[in-house]
Amino acid sequence: MTVFRIGEAAELLGVSVDTVRRWIDAGRLPAGRDDSGHRVIDGPDLAAFVRDQGNDPDERADESSARNRLRGIVTAVVKDTVMAQVDIQCGPFRVVSLMSREAVDELDLQVGSVAVAVIKSTTVVVERSKGRSS
């Protein structure tokens, strides 16, 4: 089974090490100790914690078949006469959307706006990280 040190869990969740420690100390996130005495979190426990945090769908989730909804802040808008590129920072992830200029204007998307990237795709590539052992 994969286990994560507190720093690794914090990096995956996009929060500080202190936040993960507070969650553990409060009993919200189960943790044990490794052979060296460092606190570690079992992979399935971390996955369950993350799942529980994501169970609060936004108000439009029931109106769409798309389940991948990432809320973030618009960091860039590049428009030409017909098309536009909109960059949204959703936590640690950058999402780039190409859409019509008309759609950008109608949505009034500007740098600093809050937006939700709704992703529906039949192809999602999943890679396993080779940077750590289980």
N, C-alpha and C. Protein backbone atom coordinates (compact mmCIF):
# COMPACT_ATOMS: atom_id res chain seq x y z
N MET A 1 0.84 -1.18 0.00
CA MET A 1 0.00 0.00 0.00
C MET A 1 0.89 1.24 0.00
N THR A 2 0.45 2.24 -0.73
CA THR A 2 1.16 3.51 -0.78
C THR A 2 0.88 4.30 0.49
N VAL A 3 1.93 4.86 1.07
CA VAL A 3 1.78 5.76 2.22
C VAL A 3 2.44 7.08 1.87
N PHE A 4 1.93 8.13 2.47
CA PHE A 4 2.43 9.47 2.19
C PHE A 4 2.89 10.14 3.46
N ARG A 5 4.04 10.77 3.40
CA ARG A 5 4.46 11.64 4.50
C ARG A 5 3.62 12.90 4.45
N ILE A 6 3.61 13.63 5.53
CA ILE A 6 2.77 14.82 5.62
C ILE A 6 3.08 15.82 4.51
N GLY A 7 4.35 16.03 4.21
CA GLY A 7 4.73 16.97 3.16
C GLY A 7 4.23 16.53 1.78
N GLU A 8 4.27 15.23 1.51
CA GLU A 8 3.78 14.73 0.24
C GLU A 8 2.26 14.92 0.14
N ALA A 9 1.56 14.63 1.22
CA ALA A 9 0.10 14.81 1.24
C ALA A 9 -0.24 16.28 1.04
N ALA A 10 0.48 17.17 1.70
CA ALA A 10 0.23 18.60 1.56
C ALA A 10 0.41 19.04 0.11
N GLU A 11 1.47 18.56 -0.53
CA GLU A 11 1.72 18.92 -1.92
C GLU A 11 0.60 18.43 -2.83
N LEU A 12 0.15 17.20 -2.63
CA LEU A 12 -0.94 16.65 -3.44
C LEU A 12 -2.24 17.42 -3.26
N LEU A 13 -2.49 17.87 -2.04
CA LEU A 13 -3.74 18.56 -1.73
C LEU A 13 -3.67 20.06 -1.99
N GLY A 14 -2.47 20.58 -2.23
CA GLY A 14 -2.33 22.00 -2.48
C GLY A 14 -2.51 22.86 -1.24
N VAL A 15 -2.13 22.30 -0.08
CA VAL A 15 -2.24 23.03 1.19
C VAL A 15 -0.88 23.00 1.89
N SER A 16 -0.78 23.70 3.00
CA SER A 16 0.48 23.72 3.74
C SER A 16 0.63 22.47 4.60
N VAL A 17 1.85 22.19 4.98
CA VAL A 17 2.14 21.08 5.89
C VAL A 17 1.41 21.30 7.21
N ASP A 18 1.38 22.55 7.68
CA ASP A 18 0.68 22.85 8.94
C ASP A 18 -0.81 22.52 8.85
N THR A 19 -1.42 22.75 7.70
CA THR A 19 -2.84 22.43 7.53
C THR A 19 -3.06 20.94 7.66
N VAL A 20 -2.21 20.14 7.02
CA VAL A 20 -2.34 18.68 7.12
C VAL A 20 -2.14 18.23 8.57
N ARG A 21 -1.16 18.81 9.25
CA ARG A 21 -0.95 18.47 10.67
C ARG A 21 -2.18 18.80 11.51
N ARG A 22 -2.79 19.95 11.26
CA ARG A 22 -4.00 20.32 12.02
C ARG A 22 -5.14 19.34 11.76
N TRP A 23 -5.30 18.92 10.50
CA TRP A 23 -6.34 17.93 10.18
C TRP A 23 -6.09 16.62 10.91
N ILE A 24 -4.83 16.21 10.97
CA ILE A 24 -4.49 14.97 11.69
C ILE A 24 -4.75 15.14 13.18
N ASP A 25 -4.27 16.24 13.75
CA ASP A 25 -4.44 16.49 15.19
C ASP A 25 -5.91 16.59 15.58
N ALA A 26 -6.74 17.08 14.67
CA ALA A 26 -8.17 17.22 14.93
C ALA A 26 -8.94 15.92 14.69
N GLY A 27 -8.24 14.90 14.19
CA GLY A 27 -8.89 13.62 13.93
C GLY A 27 -9.64 13.55 12.61
N ARG A 28 -9.49 14.56 11.79
CA ARG A 28 -10.18 14.57 10.49
C ARG A 28 -9.48 13.68 9.46
N LEU A 29 -8.17 13.51 9.62
CA LEU A 29 -7.37 12.73 8.68
C LEU A 29 -6.57 11.72 9.48
N PRO A 30 -6.84 10.41 9.30
CA PRO A 30 -6.11 9.41 10.07
C PRO A 30 -4.64 9.31 9.63
N ALA A 31 -3.78 9.12 10.59
CA ALA A 31 -2.35 8.97 10.30
C ALA A 31 -1.73 8.00 11.30
N GLY A 32 -0.67 7.38 10.88
CA GLY A 32 0.09 6.50 11.75
C GLY A 32 1.54 6.94 11.76
N ARG A 33 2.40 6.04 12.20
CA ARG A 33 3.84 6.33 12.23
C ARG A 33 4.58 5.27 11.43
N ASP A 34 5.63 5.70 10.71
CA ASP A 34 6.46 4.73 10.00
C ASP A 34 7.54 4.21 10.94
N ASP A 35 8.44 3.39 10.43
CA ASP A 35 9.49 2.78 11.25
C ASP A 35 10.43 3.82 11.85
N SER A 36 10.50 4.99 11.24
CA SER A 36 11.37 6.06 11.73
C SER A 36 10.64 6.99 12.69
N GLY A 37 9.36 6.76 12.91
CA GLY A 37 8.59 7.60 13.81
C GLY A 37 7.92 8.79 13.15
N HIS A 38 8.09 8.93 11.83
CA HIS A 38 7.44 10.02 11.10
C HIS A 38 5.96 9.69 10.89
N ARG A 39 5.13 10.73 10.97
CA ARG A 39 3.71 10.50 10.71
C ARG A 39 3.49 10.27 9.22
N VAL A 40 2.67 9.27 8.92
CA VAL A 40 2.36 8.92 7.53
C VAL A 40 0.86 8.68 7.41
N ILE A 41 0.39 8.85 6.20
CA ILE A 41 -1.03 8.68 5.89
C ILE A 41 -1.15 7.59 4.84
N ASP A 42 -1.98 6.59 5.11
CA ASP A 42 -2.21 5.53 4.13
C ASP A 42 -2.92 6.11 2.92
N GLY A 43 -2.53 5.64 1.73
CA GLY A 43 -3.12 6.12 0.49
C GLY A 43 -4.64 6.06 0.47
N PRO A 44 -5.25 4.92 0.85
CA PRO A 44 -6.72 4.86 0.85
C PRO A 44 -7.36 5.87 1.81
N ASP A 45 -6.72 6.13 2.94
CA ASP A 45 -7.26 7.13 3.88
C ASP A 45 -7.20 8.53 3.29
N LEU A 46 -6.10 8.85 2.61
CA LEU A 46 -5.96 10.16 1.98
C LEU A 46 -6.99 10.31 0.85
N ALA A 47 -7.18 9.23 0.07
CA ALA A 47 -8.16 9.27 -1.02
C ALA A 47 -9.57 9.49 -0.47
N ALA A 48 -9.92 8.81 0.62
CA ALA A 48 -11.25 8.97 1.23
C ALA A 48 -11.44 10.40 1.74
N PHE A 49 -10.40 10.97 2.34
CA PHE A 49 -10.47 12.34 2.84
C PHE A 49 -10.73 13.31 1.70
N VAL A 50 -9.99 13.15 0.60
CA VAL A 50 -10.15 14.03 -0.55
C VAL A 50 -11.54 13.88 -1.15
N ARG A 51 -12.02 12.64 -1.25
CA ARG A 51 -13.37 12.39 -1.77
C ARG A 51 -14.42 13.11 -0.93
N ASP A 52 -14.28 13.02 0.39
CA ASP A 52 -15.23 13.68 1.29
C ASP A 52 -15.21 15.19 1.12
N GLN A 53 -14.03 15.76 0.87
CA GLN A 53 -13.93 17.21 0.68
C GLN A 53 -14.59 17.64 -0.61
N GLY A 54 -14.63 16.76 -1.60
CA GLY A 54 -15.19 17.10 -2.91
C GLY A 54 -16.65 16.77 -3.06
N ASN A 55 -17.32 16.35 -2.00
CA ASN A 55 -18.72 15.95 -2.09
C ASN A 55 -19.70 17.11 -2.01
N ASP A 56 -19.23 18.33 -2.15
CA ASP A 56 -20.10 19.49 -2.11
C ASP A 56 -20.16 20.09 -3.51
N PRO A 57 -21.02 19.52 -4.40
CA PRO A 57 -21.04 20.00 -5.78
C PRO A 57 -21.57 21.42 -5.86
N ASP A 58 -21.16 22.12 -6.91
CA ASP A 58 -21.68 23.48 -7.07
C ASP A 58 -23.15 23.42 -7.49
N GLU A 59 -23.79 24.56 -7.49
CA GLU A 59 -25.24 24.63 -7.69
C GLU A 59 -25.70 24.15 -9.06
N ARG A 60 -24.81 24.04 -10.03
CA ARG A 60 -25.21 23.63 -11.39
C ARG A 60 -24.90 22.18 -11.67
N ALA A 61 -24.35 21.44 -10.73
CA ALA A 61 -23.94 20.06 -10.98
C ALA A 61 -25.10 19.17 -11.41
N ASP A 62 -26.30 19.44 -10.93
CA ASP A 62 -27.46 18.63 -11.29
C ASP A 62 -28.04 18.99 -12.65
N GLU A 63 -27.56 20.06 -13.26
CA GLU A 63 -28.08 20.51 -14.54
C GLU A 63 -27.25 20.05 -15.72
N SER A 64 -26.20 19.28 -15.47
CA SER A 64 -25.28 18.90 -16.54
C SER A 64 -24.80 17.47 -16.33
N SER A 65 -24.49 16.80 -17.44
CA SER A 65 -23.93 15.46 -17.31
C SER A 65 -22.43 15.51 -17.04
N ALA A 66 -21.81 16.67 -17.21
CA ALA A 66 -20.38 16.81 -16.94
C ALA A 66 -20.15 16.81 -15.43
N ARG A 67 -19.23 15.99 -14.95
CA ARG A 67 -18.97 15.88 -13.51
C ARG A 67 -17.65 16.53 -13.10
N ASN A 68 -16.85 16.90 -14.06
CA ASN A 68 -15.56 17.50 -13.76
C ASN A 68 -15.70 19.02 -13.78
N ARG A 69 -15.85 19.60 -12.61
CA ARG A 69 -16.10 21.04 -12.48
C ARG A 69 -15.00 21.63 -11.59
N LEU A 70 -14.20 22.50 -12.16
CA LEU A 70 -13.08 23.09 -11.45
C LEU A 70 -13.28 24.59 -11.33
N ARG A 71 -13.48 25.07 -10.11
CA ARG A 71 -13.68 26.50 -9.87
C ARG A 71 -12.33 27.17 -9.72
N GLY A 72 -12.17 28.33 -10.34
CA GLY A 72 -10.89 29.02 -10.25
C GLY A 72 -11.00 30.48 -10.63
N ILE A 73 -9.84 31.07 -10.83
CA ILE A 73 -9.77 32.49 -11.17
C ILE A 73 -9.15 32.63 -12.56
N VAL A 74 -9.73 33.51 -13.36
CA VAL A 74 -9.22 33.75 -14.71
C VAL A 74 -7.90 34.51 -14.59
N THR A 75 -6.85 33.96 -15.19
CA THR A 75 -5.53 34.57 -15.10
C THR A 75 -5.09 35.22 -16.41
N ALA A 76 -5.74 34.86 -17.52
CA ALA A 76 -5.38 35.46 -18.81
C ALA A 76 -6.54 35.30 -19.78
N VAL A 77 -6.73 36.34 -20.61
CA VAL A 77 -7.71 36.30 -21.69
C VAL A 77 -7.04 36.90 -22.92
N VAL A 78 -6.95 36.11 -23.98
CA VAL A 78 -6.36 36.59 -25.23
C VAL A 78 -7.43 36.44 -26.31
N LYS A 79 -7.82 37.58 -26.92
CA LYS A 79 -8.89 37.56 -27.92
C LYS A 79 -8.38 38.06 -29.26
N ASP A 80 -8.87 37.42 -30.33
CA ASP A 80 -8.67 38.00 -31.66
C ASP A 80 -10.07 38.31 -32.20
N THR A 81 -10.23 38.40 -33.49
CA THR A 81 -11.53 38.81 -34.03
C THR A 81 -12.59 37.72 -33.92
N VAL A 82 -12.19 36.45 -33.90
CA VAL A 82 -13.15 35.34 -33.88
C VAL A 82 -13.02 34.46 -32.64
N MET A 83 -11.80 34.14 -32.25
CA MET A 83 -11.56 33.17 -31.17
C MET A 83 -10.90 33.83 -29.97
N ALA A 84 -10.89 33.09 -28.86
CA ALA A 84 -10.25 33.58 -27.64
C ALA A 84 -9.65 32.41 -26.86
N GLN A 85 -8.64 32.72 -26.08
CA GLN A 85 -8.05 31.75 -25.15
C GLN A 85 -8.23 32.30 -23.74
N VAL A 86 -8.76 31.44 -22.85
CA VAL A 86 -8.98 31.83 -21.47
C VAL A 86 -8.21 30.85 -20.58
N ASP A 87 -7.34 31.39 -19.73
CA ASP A 87 -6.59 30.58 -18.77
C ASP A 87 -7.24 30.74 -17.40
N ILE A 88 -7.49 29.60 -16.72
CA ILE A 88 -8.08 29.61 -15.39
C ILE A 88 -7.17 28.82 -14.46
N GLN A 89 -6.83 29.42 -13.33
CA GLN A 89 -6.04 28.73 -12.32
C GLN A 89 -7.01 28.13 -11.31
N CYS A 90 -7.08 26.81 -11.28
CA CYS A 90 -7.99 26.07 -10.40
C CYS A 90 -7.14 25.36 -9.36
N GLY A 91 -6.91 26.01 -8.23
CA GLY A 91 -5.98 25.44 -7.25
C GLY A 91 -4.61 25.40 -7.89
N PRO A 92 -3.94 24.26 -7.82
CA PRO A 92 -2.61 24.17 -8.41
C PRO A 92 -2.62 23.89 -9.92
N PHE A 93 -3.82 23.81 -10.51
CA PHE A 93 -3.93 23.41 -11.90
C PHE A 93 -4.31 24.56 -12.81
N ARG A 94 -3.62 24.64 -13.96
CA ARG A 94 -3.94 25.63 -14.98
C ARG A 94 -4.80 24.95 -16.04
N VAL A 95 -5.96 25.51 -16.30
CA VAL A 95 -6.86 24.99 -17.33
C VAL A 95 -6.94 26.04 -18.42
N VAL A 96 -6.75 25.62 -19.67
CA VAL A 96 -6.79 26.53 -20.80
C VAL A 96 -7.98 26.16 -21.68
N SER A 97 -8.80 27.13 -22.01
CA SER A 97 -9.96 26.89 -22.87
C SER A 97 -9.88 27.77 -24.10
N LEU A 98 -10.16 27.17 -25.24
CA LEU A 98 -10.28 27.92 -26.49
C LEU A 98 -11.77 28.01 -26.81
N MET A 99 -12.26 29.20 -27.02
CA MET A 99 -13.68 29.40 -27.28
C MET A 99 -13.86 30.61 -28.20
N SER A 100 -15.09 30.83 -28.59
CA SER A 100 -15.34 31.98 -29.45
C SER A 100 -15.18 33.27 -28.66
N ARG A 101 -14.79 34.31 -29.36
CA ARG A 101 -14.68 35.63 -28.72
C ARG A 101 -16.06 36.07 -28.22
N GLU A 102 -17.10 35.73 -28.99
CA GLU A 102 -18.46 36.07 -28.61
C GLU A 102 -18.81 35.48 -27.23
N ALA A 103 -18.41 34.23 -27.00
CA ALA A 103 -18.69 33.59 -25.70
C ALA A 103 -17.96 34.30 -24.57
N VAL A 104 -16.71 34.68 -24.80
CA VAL A 104 -15.94 35.40 -23.78
C VAL A 104 -16.60 36.73 -23.45
N ASP A 105 -17.04 37.43 -24.50
CA ASP A 105 -17.69 38.72 -24.29
C ASP A 105 -19.03 38.56 -23.56
N GLU A 106 -19.83 37.56 -23.95
CA GLU A 106 -21.13 37.33 -23.30
C GLU A 106 -20.97 36.96 -21.83
N LEU A 107 -19.94 36.15 -21.52
CA LEU A 107 -19.68 35.75 -20.14
C LEU A 107 -18.94 36.84 -19.36
N ASP A 108 -18.49 37.87 -20.06
CA ASP A 108 -17.72 38.96 -19.46
C ASP A 108 -16.51 38.42 -18.70
N LEU A 109 -15.80 37.48 -19.32
CA LEU A 109 -14.61 36.90 -18.69
C LEU A 109 -13.46 37.89 -18.77
N GLN A 110 -12.92 38.21 -17.61
CA GLN A 110 -11.79 39.13 -17.51
C GLN A 110 -10.80 38.57 -16.51
N VAL A 111 -9.56 39.01 -16.61
CA VAL A 111 -8.56 38.62 -15.62
C VAL A 111 -9.08 39.01 -14.24
N GLY A 112 -9.09 38.05 -13.33
CA GLY A 112 -9.59 38.28 -11.98
C GLY A 112 -11.00 37.78 -11.76
N SER A 113 -11.71 37.43 -12.84
CA SER A 113 -13.06 36.88 -12.69
C SER A 113 -12.99 35.47 -12.12
N VAL A 114 -14.03 35.09 -11.38
CA VAL A 114 -14.16 33.71 -10.94
C VAL A 114 -14.92 32.96 -12.02
N ALA A 115 -14.44 31.77 -12.37
CA ALA A 115 -15.08 30.97 -13.41
C ALA A 115 -15.01 29.51 -13.03
N VAL A 116 -15.87 28.71 -13.64
CA VAL A 116 -15.87 27.27 -13.43
C VAL A 116 -15.55 26.62 -14.77
N ALA A 117 -14.48 25.82 -14.80
CA ALA A 117 -14.14 25.05 -15.99
C ALA A 117 -14.90 23.74 -15.89
N VAL A 118 -15.80 23.51 -16.84
CA VAL A 118 -16.60 22.29 -16.88
C VAL A 118 -16.02 21.41 -17.96
N ILE A 119 -15.56 20.22 -17.58
CA ILE A 119 -14.83 19.37 -18.51
C ILE A 119 -15.60 18.07 -18.70
N LYS A 120 -15.91 17.77 -19.95
CA LYS A 120 -16.55 16.51 -20.30
C LYS A 120 -15.73 15.95 -21.46
N SER A 121 -15.13 14.83 -21.24
CA SER A 121 -14.25 14.28 -22.25
C SER A 121 -14.37 12.77 -22.29
N THR A 122 -14.32 12.23 -23.49
CA THR A 122 -14.32 10.77 -23.62
C THR A 122 -12.91 10.22 -23.52
N THR A 123 -11.92 11.10 -23.55
CA THR A 123 -10.54 10.65 -23.45
C THR A 123 -9.85 11.39 -22.31
N VAL A 124 -9.43 10.64 -21.32
CA VAL A 124 -8.65 11.18 -20.22
C VAL A 124 -7.43 10.28 -20.07
N VAL A 125 -6.26 10.83 -20.22
CA VAL A 125 -5.03 10.07 -20.10
C VAL A 125 -4.61 10.07 -18.63
N VAL A 126 -4.37 8.89 -18.08
CA VAL A 126 -3.92 8.76 -16.70
C VAL A 126 -2.53 8.16 -16.71
N GLU A 127 -1.60 8.83 -16.06
CA GLU A 127 -0.23 8.33 -15.95
C GLU A 127 0.09 8.09 -14.50
N ARG A 128 0.89 7.11 -14.23
CA ARG A 128 1.32 6.84 -12.87
C ARG A 128 2.65 7.54 -12.65
N SER A 129 2.77 8.23 -11.54
CA SER A 129 4.00 8.93 -11.22
C SER A 129 5.09 7.93 -10.92
N LYS A 130 6.27 8.16 -11.47
CA LYS A 130 7.40 7.27 -11.22
C LYS A 130 8.32 7.86 -10.16
N GLY A 131 7.91 8.97 -9.56
CA GLY A 131 8.77 9.68 -8.63
C GLY A 131 8.82 9.11 -7.22
N ARG A 132 7.95 8.13 -6.91
CA ARG A 132 7.95 7.62 -5.54
C ARG A 132 7.66 6.13 -5.57
N SER A 133 8.08 5.45 -4.55
CA SER A 133 7.81 4.02 -4.43
C SER A 133 6.65 3.79 -3.49
N SER A 134 6.00 2.65 -3.62
CA SER A 134 4.87 2.36 -2.73
C SER A 134 5.28 1.49 -1.58
